[in-house]
Amino acid sequence: YHRVKRNKGCAGIDGKSVDDLPALLKQHWPSIKEQLLQGGYQP
């Protein structure tokens, strides 16, 4: 997280910036983590 924040960079196709990442993780990380652990995550 701190490396991505330090590198900054522009938003991807969803328009979310590095500053949006904490709120994004707070809302979606539990389900994303489960998808990763189950092998079903789709980038």
All heavy atoms as atom14 arrays in JSON, in Angstrom:
{
  "sequence": "YHRVKRNKGCAGIDGKSVDDLPALLKQHWPSIKEQLLQGGYQP",
  "atom14_mask": [
    [1, 1, 1, 1, 1, 1, 1, 1, 1, 1, 1, 1, 0, 0],
    [1, 1, 1, 1, 1, 1, 1, 1, 1, 1, 0, 0, 0, 0],
    [1, 1, 1, 1, 1, 1, 1, 1, 1, 1, 1, 0, 0, 0],
    [1, 1, 1, 1, 1, 1, 1, 0, 0, 0, 0, 0, 0, 0],
    [1, 1, 1, 1, 1, 1, 1, 1, 1, 0, 0, 0, 0, 0],
    [1, 1, 1, 1, 1, 1, 1, 1, 1, 1, 1, 0, 0, 0],
    [1, 1, 1, 1, 1, 1, 1, 1, 0, 0, 0, 0, 0, 0],
    [1, 1, 1, 1, 1, 1, 1, 1, 1, 0, 0, 0, 0, 0],
    [1, 1, 1, 1, 0, 0, 0, 0, 0, 0, 0, 0, 0, 0],
    [1, 1, 1, 1, 1, 1, 0, 0, 0, 0, 0, 0, 0, 0],
    [1, 1, 1, 1, 1, 0, 0, 0, 0, 0, 0, 0, 0, 0],
    [1, 1, 1, 1, 0, 0, 0, 0, 0, 0, 0, 0, 0, 0],
    [1, 1, 1, 1, 1, 1, 1, 1, 0, 0, 0, 0, 0, 0],
    [1, 1, 1, 1, 1, 1, 1, 1, 0, 0, 0, 0, 0, 0],
    [1, 1, 1, 1, 0, 0, 0, 0, 0, 0, 0, 0, 0, 0],
    [1, 1, 1, 1, 1, 1, 1, 1, 1, 0, 0, 0, 0, 0],
    [1, 1, 1, 1, 1, 1, 0, 0, 0, 0, 0, 0, 0, 0],
    [1, 1, 1, 1, 1, 1, 1, 0, 0, 0, 0, 0, 0, 0],
    [1, 1, 1, 1, 1, 1, 1, 1, 0, 0, 0, 0, 0, 0],
    [1, 1, 1, 1, 1, 1, 1, 1, 0, 0, 0, 0, 0, 0],
    [1, 1, 1, 1, 1, 1, 1, 1, 0, 0, 0, 0, 0, 0],
    [1, 1, 1, 1, 1, 1, 1, 0, 0, 0, 0, 0, 0, 0],
    [1, 1, 1, 1, 1, 0, 0, 0, 0, 0, 0, 0, 0, 0],
    [1, 1, 1, 1, 1, 1, 1, 1, 0, 0, 0, 0, 0, 0],
    [1, 1, 1, 1, 1, 1, 1, 1, 0, 0, 0, 0, 0, 0],
    [1, 1, 1, 1, 1, 1, 1, 1, 1, 0, 0, 0, 0, 0],
    [1, 1, 1, 1, 1, 1, 1, 1, 1, 0, 0, 0, 0, 0],
    [1, 1, 1, 1, 1, 1, 1, 1, 1, 1, 0, 0, 0, 0],
    [1, 1, 1, 1, 1, 1, 1, 1, 1, 1, 1, 1, 1, 1],
    [1, 1, 1, 1, 1, 1, 1, 0, 0, 0, 0, 0, 0, 0],
    [1, 1, 1, 1, 1, 1, 0, 0, 0, 0, 0, 0, 0, 0],
    [1, 1, 1, 1, 1, 1, 1, 1, 0, 0, 0, 0, 0, 0],
    [1, 1, 1, 1, 1, 1, 1, 1, 1, 0, 0, 0, 0, 0],
    [1, 1, 1, 1, 1, 1, 1, 1, 1, 0, 0, 0, 0, 0],
    [1, 1, 1, 1, 1, 1, 1, 1, 1, 0, 0, 0, 0, 0],
    [1, 1, 1, 1, 1, 1, 1, 1, 0, 0, 0, 0, 0, 0],
    [1, 1, 1, 1, 1, 1, 1, 1, 0, 0, 0, 0, 0, 0],
    [1, 1, 1, 1, 1, 1, 1, 1, 1, 0, 0, 0, 0, 0],
    [1, 1, 1, 1, 0, 0, 0, 0, 0, 0, 0, 0, 0, 0],
    [1, 1, 1, 1, 0, 0, 0, 0, 0, 0, 0, 0, 0, 0],
    [1, 1, 1, 1, 1, 1, 1, 1, 1, 1, 1, 1, 0, 0],
    [1, 1, 1, 1, 1, 1, 1, 1, 1, 0, 0, 0, 0, 0],
    [1, 1, 1, 1, 1, 1, 1, 0, 0, 0, 0, 0, 0, 0]
  ],
  "atom14_positions": [
    [[0.83, -1.2, 0.0], [0.0, 0.0, 0.0], [0.87, 1.26, 0.0], [0.65, 2.19, -0.78], [-0.93, 0.0, 1.22], [-1.65, 1.31, 1.43], [-2.8, 1.61, 0.71], [-1.19, 2.25, 2.35], [-3.47, 2.82, 0.9], [-1.83, 3.45, 2.54], [-2.98, 3.73, 1.82], [-3.62, 4.93, 2.0], [0.0, 0.0, 0.0], [0.0, 0.0, 0.0]],
    [[1.87, 1.29, 0.85], [2.71, 2.49, 0.93], [3.59, 2.65, -0.3], [3.9, 3.77, -0.69], [3.53, 2.46, 2.23], [2.7, 2.72, 3.44], [2.23, 3.97, 3.77], [2.21, 1.88, 4.39], [1.51, 3.91, 4.88], [1.48, 2.64, 5.27], [0.0, 0.0, 0.0], [0.0, 0.0, 0.0], [0.0, 0.0, 0.0], [0.0, 0.0, 0.0]],
    [[3.97, 1.54, -0.93], [4.74, 1.65, -2.17], [3.86, 2.23, -3.3], [4.3, 3.1, -4.05], [5.3, 0.29, -2.57], [6.04, 0.29, -3.9], [7.22, 1.25, -3.9], [8.22, 0.88, -2.96], [9.22, 0.04, -3.2], [9.34, -0.52, -4.38], [10.12, -0.22, -2.26], [0.0, 0.0, 0.0], [0.0, 0.0, 0.0], [0.0, 0.0, 0.0]],
    [[2.64, 1.73, -3.41], [1.72, 2.24, -4.44], [1.41, 3.71, -4.2], [1.38, 4.52, -5.13], [0.43, 1.39, -4.46], [-0.64, 2.05, -5.34], [0.72, -0.02, -4.97], [0.0, 0.0, 0.0], [0.0, 0.0, 0.0], [0.0, 0.0, 0.0], [0.0, 0.0, 0.0], [0.0, 0.0, 0.0], [0.0, 0.0, 0.0], [0.0, 0.0, 0.0]],
    [[1.2, 4.05, -2.93], [0.91, 5.45, -2.61], [2.11, 6.34, -2.94], [1.94, 7.44, -3.48], [0.56, 5.57, -1.12], [0.16, 6.98, -0.71], [-0.25, 7.01, 0.75], [-0.64, 8.44, 1.17], [-1.01, 8.5, 2.6], [0.0, 0.0, 0.0], [0.0, 0.0, 0.0], [0.0, 0.0, 0.0], [0.0, 0.0, 0.0], [0.0, 0.0, 0.0]],
    [[3.31, 5.86, -2.66], [4.51, 6.64, -2.92], [4.75, 6.81, -4.42], [5.2, 7.86, -4.88], [5.71, 5.97, -2.26], [6.99, 6.77, -2.28], [7.97, 6.27, -1.23], [8.35, 4.88, -1.44], [8.05, 3.89, -0.63], [7.34, 4.1, 0.48], [8.45, 2.65, -0.88], [0.0, 0.0, 0.0], [0.0, 0.0, 0.0], [0.0, 0.0, 0.0]],
    [[4.41, 5.79, -5.2], [4.62, 5.85, -6.64], [3.57, 6.71, -7.36], [3.77, 7.11, -8.5], [4.6, 4.44, -7.24], [5.83, 3.65, -6.85], [6.82, 4.19, -6.38], [5.76, 2.34, -7.04], [0.0, 0.0, 0.0], [0.0, 0.0, 0.0], [0.0, 0.0, 0.0], [0.0, 0.0, 0.0], [0.0, 0.0, 0.0], [0.0, 0.0, 0.0]],
    [[2.44, 6.92, -6.69], [1.34, 7.72, -7.25], [0.88, 7.12, -8.58], [0.45, 5.99, -8.61], [1.76, 9.18, -7.38], [2.09, 9.82, -6.04], [2.48, 11.27, -6.18], [2.8, 11.87, -4.81], [3.21, 13.29, -4.9], [0.0, 0.0, 0.0], [0.0, 0.0, 0.0], [0.0, 0.0, 0.0], [0.0, 0.0, 0.0], [0.0, 0.0, 0.0]],
    [[0.99, 7.83, -9.67], [0.5, 7.31, -10.94], [-0.94, 7.71, -11.2], [-1.69, 8.04, -10.28], [0.0, 0.0, 0.0], [0.0, 0.0, 0.0], [0.0, 0.0, 0.0], [0.0, 0.0, 0.0], [0.0, 0.0, 0.0], [0.0, 0.0, 0.0], [0.0, 0.0, 0.0], [0.0, 0.0, 0.0], [0.0, 0.0, 0.0], [0.0, 0.0, 0.0]],
    [[-1.32, 7.66, -12.46], [-2.67, 8.09, -12.83], [-3.67, 6.96, -12.61], [-3.31, 5.81, -12.4], [-2.7, 8.59, -14.27], [-2.31, 7.34, -15.5], [0.0, 0.0, 0.0], [0.0, 0.0, 0.0], [0.0, 0.0, 0.0], [0.0, 0.0, 0.0], [0.0, 0.0, 0.0], [0.0, 0.0, 0.0], [0.0, 0.0, 0.0], [0.0, 0.0, 0.0]],
    [[-4.94, 7.31, -12.69], [-6.01, 6.34, -12.46], [-6.12, 5.39, -13.65], [-5.75, 5.71, -14.78], [-7.33, 7.08, -12.25], [0.0, 0.0, 0.0], [0.0, 0.0, 0.0], [0.0, 0.0, 0.0], [0.0, 0.0, 0.0], [0.0, 0.0, 0.0], [0.0, 0.0, 0.0], [0.0, 0.0, 0.0], [0.0, 0.0, 0.0], [0.0, 0.0, 0.0]],
    [[-6.66, 4.21, -13.37], [-6.93, 3.24, -14.42], [-8.3, 3.48, -15.01], [-8.87, 4.57, -14.94], [0.0, 0.0, 0.0], [0.0, 0.0, 0.0], [0.0, 0.0, 0.0], [0.0, 0.0, 0.0], [0.0, 0.0, 0.0], [0.0, 0.0, 0.0], [0.0, 0.0, 0.0], [0.0, 0.0, 0.0], [0.0, 0.0, 0.0], [0.0, 0.0, 0.0]],
    [[-8.9, 2.43, -15.6], [-10.16, 2.6, -16.33], [-11.33, 2.91, -15.42], [-12.35, 3.41, -15.88], [-10.49, 1.35, -17.18], [-10.69, 0.12, -16.28], [-9.41, 1.09, -18.2], [-11.25, -1.08, -17.02], [0.0, 0.0, 0.0], [0.0, 0.0, 0.0], [0.0, 0.0, 0.0], [0.0, 0.0, 0.0], [0.0, 0.0, 0.0], [0.0, 0.0, 0.0]],
    [[-11.19, 2.64, -14.09], [-12.29, 2.92, -13.17], [-12.26, 4.36, -12.65], [-13.16, 4.78, -11.9], [-12.29, 1.94, -11.99], [-11.01, 2.01, -11.17], [-10.08, 2.75, -11.56], [-10.94, 1.32, -10.13], [0.0, 0.0, 0.0], [0.0, 0.0, 0.0], [0.0, 0.0, 0.0], [0.0, 0.0, 0.0], [0.0, 0.0, 0.0], [0.0, 0.0, 0.0]],
    [[-11.22, 5.11, -13.01], [-11.13, 6.5, -12.58], [-10.71, 6.7, -11.13], [-10.67, 7.84, -10.65], [0.0, 0.0, 0.0], [0.0, 0.0, 0.0], [0.0, 0.0, 0.0], [0.0, 0.0, 0.0], [0.0, 0.0, 0.0], [0.0, 0.0, 0.0], [0.0, 0.0, 0.0], [0.0, 0.0, 0.0], [0.0, 0.0, 0.0], [0.0, 0.0, 0.0]],
    [[-10.36, 5.62, -10.43], [-9.99, 5.72, -9.03], [-8.5, 6.08, -8.89], [-7.65, 5.44, -9.51], [-10.26, 4.4, -8.3], [-11.71, 3.94, -8.35], [-12.62, 4.87, -7.56], [-14.05, 4.33, -7.51], [-14.95, 5.25, -6.78], [0.0, 0.0, 0.0], [0.0, 0.0, 0.0], [0.0, 0.0, 0.0], [0.0, 0.0, 0.0], [0.0, 0.0, 0.0]],
    [[-8.22, 7.08, -8.06], [-6.84, 7.5, -7.84], [-6.28, 6.82, -6.6], [-6.98, 6.11, -5.87], [-6.79, 9.02, -7.67], [-7.39, 9.39, -6.43], [0.0, 0.0, 0.0], [0.0, 0.0, 0.0], [0.0, 0.0, 0.0], [0.0, 0.0, 0.0], [0.0, 0.0, 0.0], [0.0, 0.0, 0.0], [0.0, 0.0, 0.0], [0.0, 0.0, 0.0]],
    [[-4.99, 7.06, -6.34], [-4.36, 6.52, -5.14], [-5.07, 7.03, -3.89], [-5.2, 6.3, -2.9], [-2.86, 6.9, -5.12], [-2.23, 6.5, -3.8], [-2.13, 6.24, -6.28], [0.0, 0.0, 0.0], [0.0, 0.0, 0.0], [0.0, 0.0, 0.0], [0.0, 0.0, 0.0], [0.0, 0.0, 0.0], [0.0, 0.0, 0.0], [0.0, 0.0, 0.0]],
    [[-5.56, 8.27, -3.92], [-6.26, 8.83, -2.76], [-7.58, 8.11, -2.49], [-8.1, 8.17, -1.37], [-6.52, 10.32, -2.98], [-5.23, 11.14, -2.99], [-4.24, 10.67, -2.39], [-5.21, 12.22, -3.61], [0.0, 0.0, 0.0], [0.0, 0.0, 0.0], [0.0, 0.0, 0.0], [0.0, 0.0, 0.0], [0.0, 0.0, 0.0], [0.0, 0.0, 0.0]],
    [[-8.13, 7.46, -3.51], [-9.39, 6.74, -3.34], [-9.19, 5.33, -2.78], [-10.16, 4.66, -2.42], [-10.12, 6.62, -4.69], [-10.52, 7.96, -5.27], [-10.94, 8.84, -4.48], [-10.4, 8.14, -6.5], [0.0, 0.0, 0.0], [0.0, 0.0, 0.0], [0.0, 0.0, 0.0], [0.0, 0.0, 0.0], [0.0, 0.0, 0.0], [0.0, 0.0, 0.0]],
    [[-7.94, 4.89, -2.71], [-7.68, 3.5, -2.35], [-8.15, 3.12, -0.95], [-8.76, 2.05, -0.78], [-6.2, 3.19, -2.52], [-5.76, 1.73, -2.37], [-6.56, 0.81, -3.28], [-4.26, 1.58, -2.65], [0.0, 0.0, 0.0], [0.0, 0.0, 0.0], [0.0, 0.0, 0.0], [0.0, 0.0, 0.0], [0.0, 0.0, 0.0], [0.0, 0.0, 0.0]],
    [[-7.92, 3.93, 0.1], [-8.39, 3.52, 1.43], [-9.88, 3.25, 1.49], [-10.32, 2.23, 2.04], [-7.98, 4.7, 2.32], [-6.8, 5.3, 1.63], [-7.1, 5.17, 0.16], [0.0, 0.0, 0.0], [0.0, 0.0, 0.0], [0.0, 0.0, 0.0], [0.0, 0.0, 0.0], [0.0, 0.0, 0.0], [0.0, 0.0, 0.0], [0.0, 0.0, 0.0]],
    [[-10.68, 4.14, 0.92], [-12.14, 3.95, 0.94], [-12.53, 2.73, 0.12], [-13.45, 1.98, 0.5], [-12.83, 5.2, 0.4], [0.0, 0.0, 0.0], [0.0, 0.0, 0.0], [0.0, 0.0, 0.0], [0.0, 0.0, 0.0], [0.0, 0.0, 0.0], [0.0, 0.0, 0.0], [0.0, 0.0, 0.0], [0.0, 0.0, 0.0], [0.0, 0.0, 0.0]],
    [[-11.84, 2.52, -0.99], [-12.12, 1.36, -1.83], [-11.85, 0.06, -1.08], [-12.65, -0.88, -1.13], [-11.25, 1.45, -3.09], [-11.47, 0.41, -4.18], [-12.83, 0.59, -4.82], [-10.37, 0.52, -5.24], [0.0, 0.0, 0.0], [0.0, 0.0, 0.0], [0.0, 0.0, 0.0], [0.0, 0.0, 0.0], [0.0, 0.0, 0.0], [0.0, 0.0, 0.0]],
    [[-10.73, 0.03, -0.37], [-10.38, -1.17, 0.39], [-11.34, -1.39, 1.56], [-11.71, -2.52, 1.87], [-8.95, -1.08, 0.89], [-7.86, -1.11, -0.18], [-6.5, -0.81, 0.43], [-7.84, -2.45, -0.9], [0.0, 0.0, 0.0], [0.0, 0.0, 0.0], [0.0, 0.0, 0.0], [0.0, 0.0, 0.0], [0.0, 0.0, 0.0], [0.0, 0.0, 0.0]],
    [[-11.71, -0.32, 2.23], [-12.61, -0.44, 3.37], [-13.93, -1.07, 2.96], [-14.51, -1.89, 3.69], [-12.84, 0.93, 3.99], [-13.7, 0.89, 5.25], [-13.81, 2.27, 5.88], [-14.63, 2.22, 7.17], [-14.74, 3.56, 7.8], [0.0, 0.0, 0.0], [0.0, 0.0, 0.0], [0.0, 0.0, 0.0], [0.0, 0.0, 0.0], [0.0, 0.0, 0.0]],
    [[-14.38, -0.72, 1.77], [-15.68, -1.22, 1.3], [-15.58, -2.62, 0.68], [-16.47, -3.46, 0.88], [-16.27, -0.25, 0.27], [-17.64, -0.67, -0.24], [-18.24, 0.35, -1.19], [-17.62, 1.39, -1.48], [-19.42, 0.07, -1.7], [0.0, 0.0, 0.0], [0.0, 0.0, 0.0], [0.0, 0.0, 0.0], [0.0, 0.0, 0.0], [0.0, 0.0, 0.0]],
    [[-14.49, -2.9, -0.04], [-14.47, -4.1, -0.87], [-13.41, -5.13, -0.51], [-13.45, -6.25, -1.04], [-14.27, -3.7, -2.34], [-15.37, -2.85, -2.91], [-16.65, -3.33, -3.11], [-15.37, -1.55, -3.3], [-17.4, -2.37, -3.62], [-16.65, -1.27, -3.73], [0.0, 0.0, 0.0], [0.0, 0.0, 0.0], [0.0, 0.0, 0.0], [0.0, 0.0, 0.0]],
    [[-12.42, -4.79, 0.35], [-11.32, -5.72, 0.55], [-11.72, -7.1, 1.05], [-11.18, -8.11, 0.57], [-10.25, -5.13, 1.46], [-9.13, -6.1, 1.68], [-8.83, -6.76, 2.82], [-8.21, -6.57, 0.69], [-7.76, -7.6, 2.62], [-7.36, -7.51, 1.31], [-8.03, -6.29, -0.67], [-6.35, -8.17, 0.63], [-7.01, -6.95, -1.35], [-6.18, -7.87, -0.7]],
    [[-12.64, -7.24, 2.03], [-12.97, -8.6, 2.49], [-13.4, -9.53, 1.35], [-12.95, -10.68, 1.28], [-14.11, -8.37, 3.48], [-13.85, -6.99, 4.01], [-13.35, -6.22, 2.83], [0.0, 0.0, 0.0], [0.0, 0.0, 0.0], [0.0, 0.0, 0.0], [0.0, 0.0, 0.0], [0.0, 0.0, 0.0], [0.0, 0.0, 0.0], [0.0, 0.0, 0.0]],
    [[-14.23, -9.03, 0.43], [-14.67, -9.89, -0.68], [-13.54, -10.1, -1.69], [-13.41, -11.19, -2.26], [-15.89, -9.27, -1.37], [-15.57, -8.01, -1.95], [0.0, 0.0, 0.0], [0.0, 0.0, 0.0], [0.0, 0.0, 0.0], [0.0, 0.0, 0.0], [0.0, 0.0, 0.0], [0.0, 0.0, 0.0], [0.0, 0.0, 0.0], [0.0, 0.0, 0.0]],
    [[-12.72, -9.07, -1.92], [-11.59, -9.22, -2.86], [-10.59, -10.24, -2.32], [-10.11, -11.11, -3.05], [-10.91, -7.86, -3.09], [-11.84, -6.94, -3.85], [-9.59, -8.04, -3.86], [-11.38, -5.5, -3.9], [0.0, 0.0, 0.0], [0.0, 0.0, 0.0], [0.0, 0.0, 0.0], [0.0, 0.0, 0.0], [0.0, 0.0, 0.0], [0.0, 0.0, 0.0]],
    [[-10.3, -10.15, -1.02], [-9.38, -11.1, -0.4], [-9.91, -12.52, -0.54], [-9.14, -13.45, -0.86], [-9.19, -10.74, 1.07], [-8.29, -11.7, 1.83], [-8.16, -11.28, 3.28], [-7.34, -12.27, 4.08], [-7.23, -11.88, 5.51], [0.0, 0.0, 0.0], [0.0, 0.0, 0.0], [0.0, 0.0, 0.0], [0.0, 0.0, 0.0], [0.0, 0.0, 0.0]],
    [[-11.19, -12.71, -0.33], [-11.77, -14.04, -0.45], [-11.67, -14.54, -1.89], [-11.38, -15.73, -2.13], [-13.23, -14.02, 0.0], [-13.9, -15.39, 0.05], [-13.25, -16.32, 1.05], [-12.58, -15.85, 2.0], [-13.4, -17.55, 0.89], [0.0, 0.0, 0.0], [0.0, 0.0, 0.0], [0.0, 0.0, 0.0], [0.0, 0.0, 0.0], [0.0, 0.0, 0.0]],
    [[-11.91, -13.65, -2.84], [-11.79, -14.04, -4.25], [-10.35, -14.46, -4.57], [-10.13, -15.45, -5.29], [-12.19, -12.88, -5.16], [-13.67, -12.54, -5.14], [-13.96, -11.28, -5.92], [-13.45, -11.07, -7.02], [-14.78, -10.41, -5.36], [0.0, 0.0, 0.0], [0.0, 0.0, 0.0], [0.0, 0.0, 0.0], [0.0, 0.0, 0.0], [0.0, 0.0, 0.0]],
    [[-9.37, -13.74, -4.04], [-7.98, -14.09, -4.28], [-7.65, -15.45, -3.67], [-7.0, -16.29, -4.29], [-7.07, -13.01, -3.69], [-7.04, -11.67, -4.43], [-6.36, -10.6, -3.57], [-6.32, -11.8, -5.77], [0.0, 0.0, 0.0], [0.0, 0.0, 0.0], [0.0, 0.0, 0.0], [0.0, 0.0, 0.0], [0.0, 0.0, 0.0], [0.0, 0.0, 0.0]],
    [[-8.1, -15.68, -2.45], [-7.81, -16.94, -1.77], [-8.51, -18.12, -2.43], [-8.01, -19.25, -2.39], [-8.19, -16.84, -0.29], [-7.31, -15.94, 0.56], [-7.9, -15.77, 1.96], [-5.89, -16.49, 0.65], [0.0, 0.0, 0.0], [0.0, 0.0, 0.0], [0.0, 0.0, 0.0], [0.0, 0.0, 0.0], [0.0, 0.0, 0.0], [0.0, 0.0, 0.0]],
    [[-9.67, -17.86, -3.03], [-10.4, -18.93, -3.7], [-10.0, -19.1, -5.16], [-10.47, -20.02, -5.83], [-11.92, -18.65, -3.61], [-12.48, -18.69, -2.2], [-12.28, -20.03, -1.53], [-12.42, -21.08, -2.15], [-11.94, -20.0, -0.23], [0.0, 0.0, 0.0], [0.0, 0.0, 0.0], [0.0, 0.0, 0.0], [0.0, 0.0, 0.0], [0.0, 0.0, 0.0]],
    [[-9.15, -18.2, -5.65], [-8.69, -18.29, -7.04], [-9.65, -17.74, -8.06], [-9.54, -18.06, -9.25], [0.0, 0.0, 0.0], [0.0, 0.0, 0.0], [0.0, 0.0, 0.0], [0.0, 0.0, 0.0], [0.0, 0.0, 0.0], [0.0, 0.0, 0.0], [0.0, 0.0, 0.0], [0.0, 0.0, 0.0], [0.0, 0.0, 0.0], [0.0, 0.0, 0.0]],
    [[-10.59, -16.91, -7.63], [-11.6, -16.41, -8.56], [-11.49, -14.94, -8.91], [-12.34, -14.43, -9.64], [0.0, 0.0, 0.0], [0.0, 0.0, 0.0], [0.0, 0.0, 0.0], [0.0, 0.0, 0.0], [0.0, 0.0, 0.0], [0.0, 0.0, 0.0], [0.0, 0.0, 0.0], [0.0, 0.0, 0.0], [0.0, 0.0, 0.0], [0.0, 0.0, 0.0]],
    [[-10.45, -14.26, -8.43], [-10.37, -12.82, -8.69], [-10.1, -12.54, -10.18], [-9.25, -13.16, -10.79], [-9.26, -12.19, -7.85], [-9.11, -10.7, -8.11], [-10.01, -9.79, -7.57], [-8.07, -10.22, -8.9], [-9.88, -8.43, -7.82], [-7.93, -8.86, -9.16], [-8.85, -7.98, -8.62], [-8.72, -6.63, -8.88], [0.0, 0.0, 0.0], [0.0, 0.0, 0.0]],
    [[-10.86, -11.57, -10.73], [-10.71, -11.18, -12.13], [-10.2, -9.74, -12.2], [-10.92, -8.81, -11.83], [-12.06, -11.28, -12.86], [-12.61, -12.68, -13.0], [-11.86, -13.49, -14.06], [-11.09, -12.93, -14.85], [-12.08, -14.79, -14.08], [0.0, 0.0, 0.0], [0.0, 0.0, 0.0], [0.0, 0.0, 0.0], [0.0, 0.0, 0.0], [0.0, 0.0, 0.0]],
    [[-8.97, -9.51, -12.65], [-8.47, -8.14, -12.79], [-9.26, -7.38, -13.84], [-9.85, -7.97, -14.76], [-7.02, -8.34, -13.25], [-6.7, -9.77, -12.98], [-7.98, -10.52, -13.07], [0.0, 0.0, 0.0], [0.0, 0.0, 0.0], [0.0, 0.0, 0.0], [0.0, 0.0, 0.0], [0.0, 0.0, 0.0], [0.0, 0.0, 0.0], [0.0, 0.0, 0.0]]
  ]
}
